[in-house]
Amino acid sequence: MRSHRGCFKEDIKIGAAATIGGALSGSTGTFSGAVNVDNTTESTSITSGALIVDGGAGVAKNLFVGDTLDSKDLKVSAAAT
């Protein structure tokens, strides 16, 4: 695997923990375990907080909100049968 100025031409596979000192970016990602965000920044808008998502979010199972839930247009529908 050869790199040119930090650009790798192949996938990088790491068999143990890794620490990234700067920003990490990519087009897609799949995780088989839990993803934990340790940042504790409070959210006051759609562009602030510890996790900011530009698109929608799909949640396959339960969602727990530990504090206030704010919504511009909250829609609640009955469970699918």
Protein backbone atom coordinates (compact mmCIF):
# COMPACT_ATOMS: atom_id res chain seq x y z
CA MET A 1 0.00 0.00 0.00
CA ARG A 2 1.63 3.21 -1.11
CA SER A 3 0.56 6.65 -0.11
CA HIS A 4 1.18 10.07 -1.56
CA ARG A 5 0.82 12.90 0.92
CA GLY A 6 -1.47 10.86 3.16
CA CYS A 7 -3.78 9.60 0.39
CA PHE A 8 -4.07 5.82 0.32
CA LYS A 9 -5.00 3.98 -2.86
CA GLU A 10 -6.49 0.97 -1.00
CA ASP A 11 -8.73 0.37 2.02
CA ILE A 12 -7.00 0.65 5.37
CA LYS A 13 -7.88 -2.17 7.79
CA ILE A 14 -7.06 -1.71 11.46
CA GLY A 15 -7.41 -4.72 13.73
CA ALA A 16 -7.32 -2.79 17.00
CA ALA A 17 -8.24 0.63 18.38
CA ALA A 18 -7.09 3.70 16.46
CA THR A 19 -6.89 7.36 17.39
CA ILE A 20 -7.45 10.04 14.75
CA GLY A 21 -6.00 13.42 15.71
CA GLY A 22 -7.79 15.51 13.09
CA ALA A 23 -11.01 15.40 11.12
CA LEU A 24 -12.17 12.11 9.64
CA SER A 25 -14.29 12.27 6.51
CA GLY A 26 -15.73 9.86 4.00
CA SER A 27 -18.78 9.15 1.92
CA THR A 28 -20.31 6.20 3.81
CA GLY A 29 -19.68 4.11 6.89
CA THR A 30 -21.05 0.98 8.46
CA PHE A 31 -20.50 0.09 12.10
CA SER A 32 -21.35 -3.26 13.64
CA GLY A 33 -21.01 -2.02 17.22
CA ALA A 34 -22.28 0.98 19.16
CA VAL A 35 -21.11 4.44 18.09
CA ASN A 36 -20.40 6.68 21.07
CA VAL A 37 -20.05 10.46 20.73
CA ASP A 38 -18.35 11.82 23.87
CA ASN A 39 -18.84 15.51 23.01
CA THR A 40 -21.37 17.10 25.42
CA THR A 41 -22.26 20.25 23.42
CA GLU A 42 -25.91 21.20 23.98
CA SER A 43 -28.08 21.74 20.91
CA THR A 44 -29.93 25.01 20.46
CA SER A 45 -30.73 24.69 16.75
CA ILE A 46 -30.51 22.29 13.80
CA THR A 47 -26.89 23.37 13.27
CA SER A 48 -25.54 22.91 16.80
CA GLY A 49 -24.89 20.08 19.22
CA ALA A 50 -22.62 17.09 19.59
CA LEU A 51 -24.13 15.35 16.55
CA ILE A 52 -25.26 17.32 13.49
CA VAL A 53 -26.92 15.46 10.61
CA ASP A 54 -27.59 17.25 7.32
CA GLY A 55 -30.16 14.71 6.11
CA GLY A 56 -32.86 12.67 7.78
CA ALA A 57 -32.28 10.00 10.40
CA GLY A 58 -33.87 6.57 10.41
CA VAL A 59 -34.12 4.71 13.70
CA ALA A 60 -35.09 1.04 13.52
CA LYS A 61 -35.72 0.55 17.24
CA ASN A 62 -36.55 2.61 20.34
CA LEU A 63 -35.41 6.22 20.68
CA PHE A 64 -34.73 7.67 24.12
CA VAL A 65 -34.38 11.42 24.61
CA GLY A 66 -32.90 12.31 28.00
CA ASP A 67 -34.02 15.93 28.12
CA THR A 68 -36.09 18.33 26.01
CA LEU A 69 -37.37 17.36 22.57
CA ASP A 70 -37.91 20.34 20.27
CA SER A 71 -39.43 20.05 16.81
CA LYS A 72 -40.36 22.54 14.11
CA ASP A 73 -43.12 20.27 12.81
CA LEU A 74 -43.66 17.20 15.02
CA LYS A 75 -45.71 14.45 13.41
CA VAL A 76 -46.60 11.34 15.36
CA SER A 77 -48.12 8.35 13.58
CA ALA A 78 -49.57 5.10 14.85
CA ALA A 79 -47.39 1.99 14.84
CA ALA A 80 -47.36 0.09 11.56
CA THR A 81 -49.30 -3.18 11.59
